[in-house]
Amino acid sequence: MAHVAHRAFKIGIVIKGLDGLLELVGGSALLLTGRPAIHHAVALLTRQELIEDPHDVVANYLQHMAQQLSLSTRHFAGIYLLAHGLVKIVMVVGLLRGLRWSYPMAVVLMTTFMGYQGYRQLHQPSLLLGLLTVIDVIVTCLIVREWRHLPAKTPPIE
């Protein structure tokens, strides 16, 4: 069982790292890309789906969001994604390297992210956000479990 939990921890952390990398890319794209380019990209991504099903919920939602995207929203989302992605990557690197400070930091950060996600869920319920929050709870529990099973710190030799 311990081996399975450790493997799940590693997989969860790698997924968080990839998520952080995607957030860095997405945040950079939002900050560096103009509104017409965003509209064009969303149109390319949703065109085939809307041809097949003009009432596709996801494709229509993406189209609507692209049309409503203001400059201030784009800047906020871009900065948020950059910061969130950078924090995740630092956390993941520390956890994968087994650095002691990264475990409590990761628990605090993950709990903070989950608190914000819970707040968002109360004001704008979303099945996807709910699922991501459940995954974050599982990953946080795995981080705590790994933290508890770290080998004892050896005292310095005098």
N, C-alpha and C. Protein backbone atom coordinates (compact mmCIF):
# COMPACT_ATOMS: atom_id res chain seq x y z
N MET A 1 0.82 -1.20 0.00
CA MET A 1 0.00 0.00 0.00
C MET A 1 0.86 1.27 0.00
N ALA A 2 1.96 1.24 0.77
CA ALA A 2 2.84 2.40 0.84
C ALA A 2 3.45 2.71 -0.52
N HIS A 3 3.78 1.66 -1.27
CA HIS A 3 4.37 1.83 -2.60
C HIS A 3 3.36 2.48 -3.55
N VAL A 4 2.10 2.06 -3.47
CA VAL A 4 1.05 2.62 -4.32
C VAL A 4 0.83 4.10 -3.98
N ALA A 5 0.80 4.42 -2.68
CA ALA A 5 0.60 5.80 -2.26
C ALA A 5 1.77 6.68 -2.71
N HIS A 6 2.99 6.15 -2.63
CA HIS A 6 4.15 6.92 -3.06
C HIS A 6 4.11 7.16 -4.58
N ARG A 7 3.73 6.14 -5.31
CA ARG A 7 3.61 6.30 -6.77
C ARG A 7 2.51 7.30 -7.12
N ALA A 8 1.39 7.25 -6.41
CA ALA A 8 0.30 8.20 -6.64
C ALA A 8 0.77 9.62 -6.32
N PHE A 9 1.57 9.77 -5.26
CA PHE A 9 2.14 11.07 -4.90
C PHE A 9 2.98 11.60 -6.06
N LYS A 10 3.88 10.77 -6.57
CA LYS A 10 4.76 11.19 -7.67
C LYS A 10 3.94 11.59 -8.90
N ILE A 11 2.95 10.77 -9.25
CA ILE A 11 2.12 11.06 -10.42
C ILE A 11 1.35 12.36 -10.21
N GLY A 12 0.76 12.53 -9.03
CA GLY A 12 0.02 13.75 -8.73
C GLY A 12 0.89 14.99 -8.80
N ILE A 13 2.10 14.87 -8.30
CA ILE A 13 3.02 16.01 -8.31
C ILE A 13 3.46 16.34 -9.74
N VAL A 14 3.74 15.33 -10.53
CA VAL A 14 4.13 15.57 -11.93
C VAL A 14 2.97 16.24 -12.68
N ILE A 15 1.75 15.78 -12.42
CA ILE A 15 0.58 16.40 -13.07
C ILE A 15 0.46 17.86 -12.64
N LYS A 16 0.69 18.15 -11.36
CA LYS A 16 0.66 19.54 -10.88
C LYS A 16 1.75 20.36 -11.58
N GLY A 17 2.92 19.76 -11.80
CA GLY A 17 3.99 20.46 -12.50
C GLY A 17 3.62 20.77 -13.94
N LEU A 18 3.02 19.80 -14.62
CA LEU A 18 2.57 20.04 -16.00
C LEU A 18 1.48 21.11 -16.03
N ASP A 19 0.59 21.07 -15.06
CA ASP A 19 -0.45 22.08 -14.94
C ASP A 19 0.17 23.47 -14.73
N GLY A 20 1.19 23.53 -13.88
CA GLY A 20 1.89 24.80 -13.66
C GLY A 20 2.54 25.32 -14.93
N LEU A 21 3.13 24.41 -15.69
CA LEU A 21 3.76 24.80 -16.96
C LEU A 21 2.71 25.32 -17.94
N LEU A 22 1.57 24.64 -18.02
CA LEU A 22 0.48 25.12 -18.90
C LEU A 22 -0.03 26.48 -18.44
N GLU A 23 -0.09 26.70 -17.13
CA GLU A 23 -0.52 28.00 -16.63
C GLU A 23 0.47 29.09 -17.01
N LEU A 24 1.77 28.78 -16.96
CA LEU A 24 2.77 29.76 -17.39
C LEU A 24 2.59 30.11 -18.87
N VAL A 25 2.38 29.10 -19.68
CA VAL A 25 2.19 29.32 -21.12
C VAL A 25 0.90 30.11 -21.36
N GLY A 26 -0.19 29.69 -20.70
CA GLY A 26 -1.47 30.38 -20.87
C GLY A 26 -1.43 31.82 -20.38
N GLY A 27 -0.81 32.05 -19.23
CA GLY A 27 -0.69 33.40 -18.70
C GLY A 27 0.13 34.29 -19.62
N SER A 28 1.22 33.74 -20.12
CA SER A 28 2.06 34.51 -21.06
C SER A 28 1.28 34.83 -22.33
N ALA A 29 0.55 33.85 -22.84
CA ALA A 29 -0.24 34.06 -24.06
C ALA A 29 -1.30 35.15 -23.84
N LEU A 30 -1.96 35.12 -22.69
CA LEU A 30 -2.97 36.16 -22.42
C LEU A 30 -2.36 37.55 -22.36
N LEU A 31 -1.18 37.65 -21.78
CA LEU A 31 -0.54 38.96 -21.64
C LEU A 31 0.09 39.46 -22.94
N LEU A 32 0.53 38.53 -23.78
CA LEU A 32 1.26 38.91 -24.99
C LEU A 32 0.42 38.89 -26.26
N THR A 33 -0.81 38.42 -26.15
CA THR A 33 -1.65 38.26 -27.33
C THR A 33 -2.79 39.26 -27.30
N GLY A 34 -3.07 39.84 -28.45
CA GLY A 34 -4.18 40.79 -28.56
C GLY A 34 -5.51 40.08 -28.70
N ARG A 35 -6.57 40.85 -28.51
CA ARG A 35 -7.93 40.31 -28.56
C ARG A 35 -8.25 39.65 -29.92
N PRO A 36 -7.88 40.24 -31.05
CA PRO A 36 -8.18 39.60 -32.34
C PRO A 36 -7.52 38.22 -32.48
N ALA A 37 -6.29 38.10 -31.98
CA ALA A 37 -5.60 36.81 -32.06
C ALA A 37 -6.29 35.76 -31.18
N ILE A 38 -6.79 36.18 -30.02
CA ILE A 38 -7.51 35.26 -29.14
C ILE A 38 -8.80 34.80 -29.82
N HIS A 39 -9.53 35.75 -30.42
CA HIS A 39 -10.76 35.39 -31.15
C HIS A 39 -10.45 34.39 -32.26
N HIS A 40 -9.38 34.64 -32.98
CA HIS A 40 -8.99 33.76 -34.09
C HIS A 40 -8.63 32.37 -33.58
N ALA A 41 -7.86 32.30 -32.50
CA ALA A 41 -7.46 31.00 -31.94
C ALA A 41 -8.67 30.21 -31.46
N VAL A 42 -9.59 30.88 -30.77
CA VAL A 42 -10.80 30.20 -30.28
C VAL A 42 -11.64 29.74 -31.47
N ALA A 43 -11.74 30.56 -32.50
CA ALA A 43 -12.50 30.17 -33.69
C ALA A 43 -11.90 28.93 -34.33
N LEU A 44 -10.57 28.88 -34.43
CA LEU A 44 -9.91 27.70 -35.00
C LEU A 44 -10.14 26.45 -34.15
N LEU A 45 -10.07 26.62 -32.85
CA LEU A 45 -10.24 25.48 -31.95
C LEU A 45 -11.67 24.95 -31.91
N THR A 46 -12.63 25.82 -32.13
CA THR A 46 -14.04 25.40 -32.00
C THR A 46 -14.76 25.20 -33.33
N ARG A 47 -14.16 25.60 -34.42
CA ARG A 47 -14.83 25.55 -35.72
C ARG A 47 -15.37 24.17 -36.07
N GLN A 48 -14.54 23.15 -36.02
CA GLN A 48 -14.96 21.80 -36.41
C GLN A 48 -16.08 21.29 -35.50
N GLU A 49 -15.95 21.55 -34.21
CA GLU A 49 -16.97 21.09 -33.27
C GLU A 49 -18.31 21.77 -33.53
N LEU A 50 -18.27 23.06 -33.84
CA LEU A 50 -19.51 23.79 -34.11
C LEU A 50 -20.13 23.39 -35.46
N ILE A 51 -19.31 22.95 -36.40
CA ILE A 51 -19.84 22.43 -37.66
C ILE A 51 -20.61 21.14 -37.40
N GLU A 52 -20.03 20.27 -36.57
CA GLU A 52 -20.67 19.00 -36.24
C GLU A 52 -21.90 19.20 -35.36
N ASP A 53 -21.80 20.11 -34.39
CA ASP A 53 -22.91 20.34 -33.45
C ASP A 53 -22.95 21.82 -33.11
N PRO A 54 -23.80 22.60 -33.79
CA PRO A 54 -23.87 24.04 -33.55
C PRO A 54 -24.27 24.41 -32.11
N HIS A 55 -24.81 23.45 -31.36
CA HIS A 55 -25.25 23.71 -29.99
C HIS A 55 -24.27 23.16 -28.95
N ASP A 56 -23.06 22.80 -29.37
CA ASP A 56 -22.06 22.25 -28.45
C ASP A 56 -21.82 23.24 -27.31
N VAL A 57 -22.01 22.77 -26.08
CA VAL A 57 -21.93 23.64 -24.91
C VAL A 57 -20.53 24.21 -24.71
N VAL A 58 -19.52 23.36 -24.79
CA VAL A 58 -18.14 23.81 -24.53
C VAL A 58 -17.69 24.79 -25.60
N ALA A 59 -17.89 24.46 -26.85
CA ALA A 59 -17.45 25.33 -27.95
C ALA A 59 -18.16 26.68 -27.89
N ASN A 60 -19.46 26.67 -27.63
CA ASN A 60 -20.20 27.93 -27.52
C ASN A 60 -19.76 28.74 -26.31
N TYR A 61 -19.46 28.05 -25.21
CA TYR A 61 -18.97 28.74 -24.01
C TYR A 61 -17.63 29.43 -24.30
N LEU A 62 -16.72 28.71 -24.98
CA LEU A 62 -15.43 29.29 -25.33
C LEU A 62 -15.60 30.51 -26.24
N GLN A 63 -16.49 30.39 -27.21
CA GLN A 63 -16.76 31.52 -28.12
C GLN A 63 -17.27 32.72 -27.33
N HIS A 64 -18.21 32.46 -26.43
CA HIS A 64 -18.79 33.53 -25.61
C HIS A 64 -17.73 34.19 -24.73
N MET A 65 -16.89 33.37 -24.09
CA MET A 65 -15.85 33.91 -23.22
C MET A 65 -14.85 34.76 -24.01
N ALA A 66 -14.50 34.33 -25.20
CA ALA A 66 -13.56 35.10 -26.03
C ALA A 66 -14.15 36.46 -26.41
N GLN A 67 -15.45 36.48 -26.67
CA GLN A 67 -16.10 37.74 -27.04
C GLN A 67 -16.21 38.70 -25.86
N GLN A 68 -16.33 38.17 -24.65
CA GLN A 68 -16.51 38.99 -23.45
C GLN A 68 -15.20 39.37 -22.77
N LEU A 69 -14.08 38.91 -23.30
CA LEU A 69 -12.78 39.10 -22.65
C LEU A 69 -12.32 40.55 -22.76
N SER A 70 -12.35 41.26 -21.64
CA SER A 70 -11.90 42.66 -21.63
C SER A 70 -10.39 42.70 -21.37
N LEU A 71 -9.81 43.85 -21.58
CA LEU A 71 -8.38 44.03 -21.35
C LEU A 71 -8.03 43.81 -19.89
N SER A 72 -8.83 44.35 -18.97
CA SER A 72 -8.53 44.19 -17.55
C SER A 72 -8.68 42.72 -17.12
N THR A 73 -9.67 42.03 -17.66
CA THR A 73 -9.84 40.61 -17.34
C THR A 73 -8.66 39.81 -17.88
N ARG A 74 -8.24 40.14 -19.08
CA ARG A 74 -7.09 39.45 -19.69
C ARG A 74 -5.83 39.66 -18.86
N HIS A 75 -5.61 40.88 -18.42
CA HIS A 75 -4.43 41.17 -17.59
C HIS A 75 -4.50 40.44 -16.26
N PHE A 76 -5.65 40.49 -15.59
CA PHE A 76 -5.80 39.80 -14.31
C PHE A 76 -5.56 38.30 -14.49
N ALA A 77 -6.23 37.71 -15.48
CA ALA A 77 -6.09 36.27 -15.70
C ALA A 77 -4.66 35.91 -16.06
N GLY A 78 -4.00 36.72 -16.89
CA GLY A 78 -2.62 36.45 -17.28
C GLY A 78 -1.68 36.49 -16.10
N ILE A 79 -1.80 37.52 -15.27
CA ILE A 79 -0.92 37.64 -14.09
C ILE A 79 -1.23 36.52 -13.10
N TYR A 80 -2.51 36.23 -12.90
CA TYR A 80 -2.91 35.15 -11.98
C TYR A 80 -2.31 33.82 -12.45
N LEU A 81 -2.46 33.52 -13.73
CA LEU A 81 -1.93 32.25 -14.26
C LEU A 81 -0.41 32.19 -14.16
N LEU A 82 0.27 33.29 -14.46
CA LEU A 82 1.73 33.31 -14.34
C LEU A 82 2.17 33.05 -12.89
N ALA A 83 1.56 33.76 -11.95
CA ALA A 83 1.93 33.60 -10.54
C ALA A 83 1.59 32.20 -10.05
N HIS A 84 0.40 31.74 -10.36
CA HIS A 84 -0.05 30.42 -9.93
C HIS A 84 0.85 29.33 -10.52
N GLY A 85 1.17 29.45 -11.80
CA GLY A 85 2.03 28.47 -12.46
C GLY A 85 3.44 28.46 -11.88
N LEU A 86 3.99 29.63 -11.64
CA LEU A 86 5.34 29.72 -11.09
C LEU A 86 5.40 29.11 -9.68
N VAL A 87 4.41 29.42 -8.86
CA VAL A 87 4.36 28.87 -7.50
C VAL A 87 4.25 27.34 -7.56
N LYS A 88 3.42 26.83 -8.46
CA LYS A 88 3.28 25.37 -8.59
C LYS A 88 4.59 24.72 -9.01
N ILE A 89 5.28 25.33 -9.94
CA ILE A 89 6.53 24.74 -10.42
C ILE A 89 7.58 24.72 -9.31
N VAL A 90 7.70 25.81 -8.55
CA VAL A 90 8.64 25.84 -7.43
C VAL A 90 8.27 24.76 -6.42
N MET A 91 6.98 24.63 -6.12
CA MET A 91 6.49 23.63 -5.18
C MET A 91 6.81 22.22 -5.68
N VAL A 92 6.55 21.96 -6.93
CA VAL A 92 6.77 20.63 -7.51
C VAL A 92 8.25 20.27 -7.52
N VAL A 93 9.10 21.20 -7.90
CA VAL A 93 10.55 20.94 -7.92
C VAL A 93 11.03 20.59 -6.51
N GLY A 94 10.57 21.35 -5.52
CA GLY A 94 10.96 21.07 -4.14
C GLY A 94 10.48 19.71 -3.68
N LEU A 95 9.24 19.36 -4.00
CA LEU A 95 8.70 18.06 -3.59
C LEU A 95 9.40 16.91 -4.28
N LEU A 96 9.64 17.03 -5.56
CA LEU A 96 10.30 15.95 -6.30
C LEU A 96 11.75 15.77 -5.84
N ARG A 97 12.37 16.84 -5.36
CA ARG A 97 13.75 16.74 -4.86
C ARG A 97 13.79 16.33 -3.38
N GLY A 98 12.61 16.23 -2.76
CA GLY A 98 12.53 15.82 -1.36
C GLY A 98 13.01 16.89 -0.38
N LEU A 99 12.93 18.16 -0.76
CA LEU A 99 13.37 19.24 0.10
C LEU A 99 12.35 19.46 1.22
N ARG A 100 12.82 19.40 2.45
CA ARG A 100 11.92 19.44 3.61
C ARG A 100 11.00 20.66 3.63
N TRP A 101 11.50 21.83 3.30
CA TRP A 101 10.70 23.05 3.35
C TRP A 101 9.53 23.01 2.38
N SER A 102 9.66 22.21 1.33
CA SER A 102 8.62 22.22 0.29
C SER A 102 7.33 21.54 0.74
N TYR A 103 7.40 20.63 1.69
CA TYR A 103 6.19 19.91 2.12
C TYR A 103 5.21 20.83 2.85
N PRO A 104 5.66 21.54 3.91
CA PRO A 104 4.70 22.44 4.56
C PRO A 104 4.26 23.57 3.62
N MET A 105 5.20 24.06 2.79
CA MET A 105 4.84 25.11 1.84
C MET A 105 3.76 24.61 0.89
N ALA A 106 3.93 23.38 0.40
CA ALA A 106 2.96 22.81 -0.54
C ALA A 106 1.59 22.65 0.11
N VAL A 107 1.57 22.21 1.36
CA VAL A 107 0.28 22.03 2.05
C VAL A 107 -0.41 23.38 2.22
N VAL A 108 0.34 24.41 2.62
CA VAL A 108 -0.24 25.74 2.80
C VAL A 108 -0.74 26.28 1.45
N LEU A 109 0.07 26.15 0.41
CA LEU A 109 -0.33 26.66 -0.91
C LEU A 109 -1.54 25.91 -1.46
N MET A 110 -1.49 24.60 -1.37
CA MET A 110 -2.62 23.81 -1.88
C MET A 110 -3.90 24.13 -1.11
N THR A 111 -3.79 24.30 0.20
CA THR A 111 -4.97 24.65 1.00
C THR A 111 -5.49 26.03 0.62
N THR A 112 -4.57 26.96 0.37
CA THR A 112 -4.98 28.30 -0.07
C THR A 112 -5.68 28.23 -1.41
N PHE A 113 -5.11 27.48 -2.37
CA PHE A 113 -5.74 27.33 -3.69
C PHE A 113 -7.12 26.70 -3.55
N MET A 114 -7.23 25.68 -2.71
CA MET A 114 -8.53 25.01 -2.53
C MET A 114 -9.54 25.94 -1.87
N GLY A 115 -9.08 26.79 -0.95
CA GLY A 115 -9.97 27.77 -0.35
C GLY A 115 -10.53 28.74 -1.39
N TYR A 116 -9.65 29.21 -2.26
CA TYR A 116 -10.09 30.11 -3.33
C TYR A 116 -11.04 29.39 -4.29
N GLN A 117 -10.71 28.14 -4.62
CA GLN A 117 -11.57 27.36 -5.51
C GLN A 117 -12.94 27.14 -4.86
N GLY A 118 -12.96 26.91 -3.55
CA GLY A 118 -14.23 26.75 -2.84
C GLY A 118 -15.05 28.03 -2.88
N TYR A 119 -14.37 29.16 -2.71
CA TYR A 119 -15.03 30.47 -2.80
C TYR A 119 -15.64 30.65 -4.19
N ARG A 120 -14.85 30.34 -5.21
CA ARG A 120 -15.36 30.45 -6.60
C ARG A 120 -16.53 29.51 -6.84
N GLN A 121 -16.43 28.31 -6.27
CA GLN A 121 -17.48 27.31 -6.44
C GLN A 121 -18.79 27.80 -5.83
N LEU A 122 -18.71 28.52 -4.71
CA LEU A 122 -19.92 29.06 -4.09
C LEU A 122 -20.59 30.12 -4.95
N HIS A 123 -19.78 30.93 -5.63
CA HIS A 123 -20.31 32.03 -6.42
C HIS A 123 -20.58 31.68 -7.88
N GLN A 124 -19.79 30.74 -8.42
CA GLN A 124 -19.99 30.31 -9.80
C GLN A 124 -19.77 28.80 -9.86
N PRO A 125 -20.79 28.03 -9.50
CA PRO A 125 -20.62 26.56 -9.49
C PRO A 125 -20.15 26.03 -10.84
N SER A 126 -19.21 25.10 -10.76
CA SER A 126 -18.63 24.52 -11.97
C SER A 126 -18.24 23.07 -11.68
N LEU A 127 -18.72 22.18 -12.52
CA LEU A 127 -18.38 20.77 -12.35
C LEU A 127 -16.88 20.56 -12.50
N LEU A 128 -16.27 21.22 -13.48
CA LEU A 128 -14.83 21.10 -13.70
C LEU A 128 -14.03 21.60 -12.49
N LEU A 129 -14.40 22.76 -11.97
CA LEU A 129 -13.70 23.30 -10.80
C LEU A 129 -13.88 22.38 -9.59
N GLY A 130 -15.07 21.82 -9.44
CA GLY A 130 -15.30 20.87 -8.36
C GLY A 130 -14.41 19.64 -8.47
N LEU A 131 -14.30 19.12 -9.69
CA LEU A 131 -13.44 17.96 -9.94
C LEU A 131 -11.97 18.30 -9.66
N LEU A 132 -11.52 19.45 -10.12
CA LEU A 132 -10.13 19.88 -9.87
C LEU A 132 -9.87 20.05 -8.38
N THR A 133 -10.85 20.53 -7.65
CA THR A 133 -10.70 20.70 -6.21
C THR A 133 -10.58 19.35 -5.51
N VAL A 134 -11.38 18.37 -5.94
CA VAL A 134 -11.29 17.02 -5.37
C VAL A 134 -9.89 16.44 -5.64
N ILE A 135 -9.38 16.63 -6.84
CA ILE A 135 -8.03 16.16 -7.17
C ILE A 135 -7.01 16.86 -6.28
N ASP A 136 -7.17 18.17 -6.06
CA ASP A 136 -6.26 18.90 -5.18
C ASP A 136 -6.30 18.38 -3.75
N VAL A 137 -7.48 18.02 -3.27
CA VAL A 137 -7.60 17.44 -1.92
C VAL A 137 -6.82 16.13 -1.84
N ILE A 138 -6.97 15.29 -2.85
CA ILE A 138 -6.26 14.00 -2.88
C ILE A 138 -4.75 14.22 -2.90
N VAL A 139 -4.29 15.12 -3.78
CA VAL A 139 -2.86 15.39 -3.88
C VAL A 139 -2.33 15.96 -2.57
N THR A 140 -3.09 16.84 -1.93
CA THR A 140 -2.67 17.41 -0.64
C THR A 140 -2.55 16.33 0.42
N CYS A 141 -3.50 15.41 0.46
CA CYS A 141 -3.42 14.29 1.41
C CYS A 141 -2.18 13.44 1.14
N LEU A 142 -1.86 13.22 -0.12
CA LEU A 142 -0.66 12.45 -0.47
C LEU A 142 0.61 13.21 -0.07
N ILE A 143 0.60 14.53 -0.20
CA ILE A 143 1.76 15.33 0.22
C ILE A 143 1.96 15.19 1.73
N VAL A 144 0.88 15.29 2.49
CA VAL A 144 0.96 15.15 3.94
C VAL A 144 1.48 13.77 4.31
N ARG A 145 0.99 12.74 3.63
CA ARG A 145 1.44 11.37 3.89
C ARG A 145 2.94 11.23 3.63
N GLU A 146 3.41 11.76 2.51
CA GLU A 146 4.85 11.71 2.19
C GLU A 146 5.67 12.48 3.22
N TRP A 147 5.17 13.61 3.63
CA TRP A 147 5.86 14.46 4.61
C TRP A 147 6.05 13.69 5.91
N ARG A 148 5.00 12.97 6.33
CA ARG A 148 5.08 12.19 7.57
C ARG A 148 6.05 11.02 7.47
N HIS A 149 6.29 10.56 6.26
CA HIS A 149 7.17 9.41 6.07
C HIS A 149 8.59 9.79 5.63
N LEU A 150 8.91 11.09 5.71
CA LEU A 150 10.28 11.50 5.40
C LEU A 150 11.21 10.92 6.45
N PRO A 151 12.40 10.50 6.04
CA PRO A 151 13.36 10.01 7.03
C PRO A 151 13.74 11.12 8.01
N ALA A 152 14.05 10.71 9.21
CA ALA A 152 14.43 11.68 10.24
C ALA A 152 15.66 12.46 9.78
N LYS A 153 15.68 13.72 10.09
CA LYS A 153 16.81 14.58 9.72
C LYS A 153 18.01 14.20 10.59
N THR A 154 19.14 13.97 9.96
CA THR A 154 20.33 13.60 10.71
C THR A 154 20.97 14.86 11.31
N PRO A 155 21.36 14.79 12.59
CA PRO A 155 21.98 15.96 13.21
C PRO A 155 23.36 16.23 12.62
N PRO A 156 23.78 17.49 12.61
CA PRO A 156 25.11 17.80 12.08
C PRO A 156 26.21 17.18 12.95
N ILE A 157 27.30 16.80 12.33
CA ILE A 157 28.43 16.19 13.04
C ILE A 157 29.27 17.32 13.61
N GLU A 158 29.62 17.18 14.90
CA GLU A 158 30.42 18.23 15.54
C GLU A 158 31.87 17.86 15.60
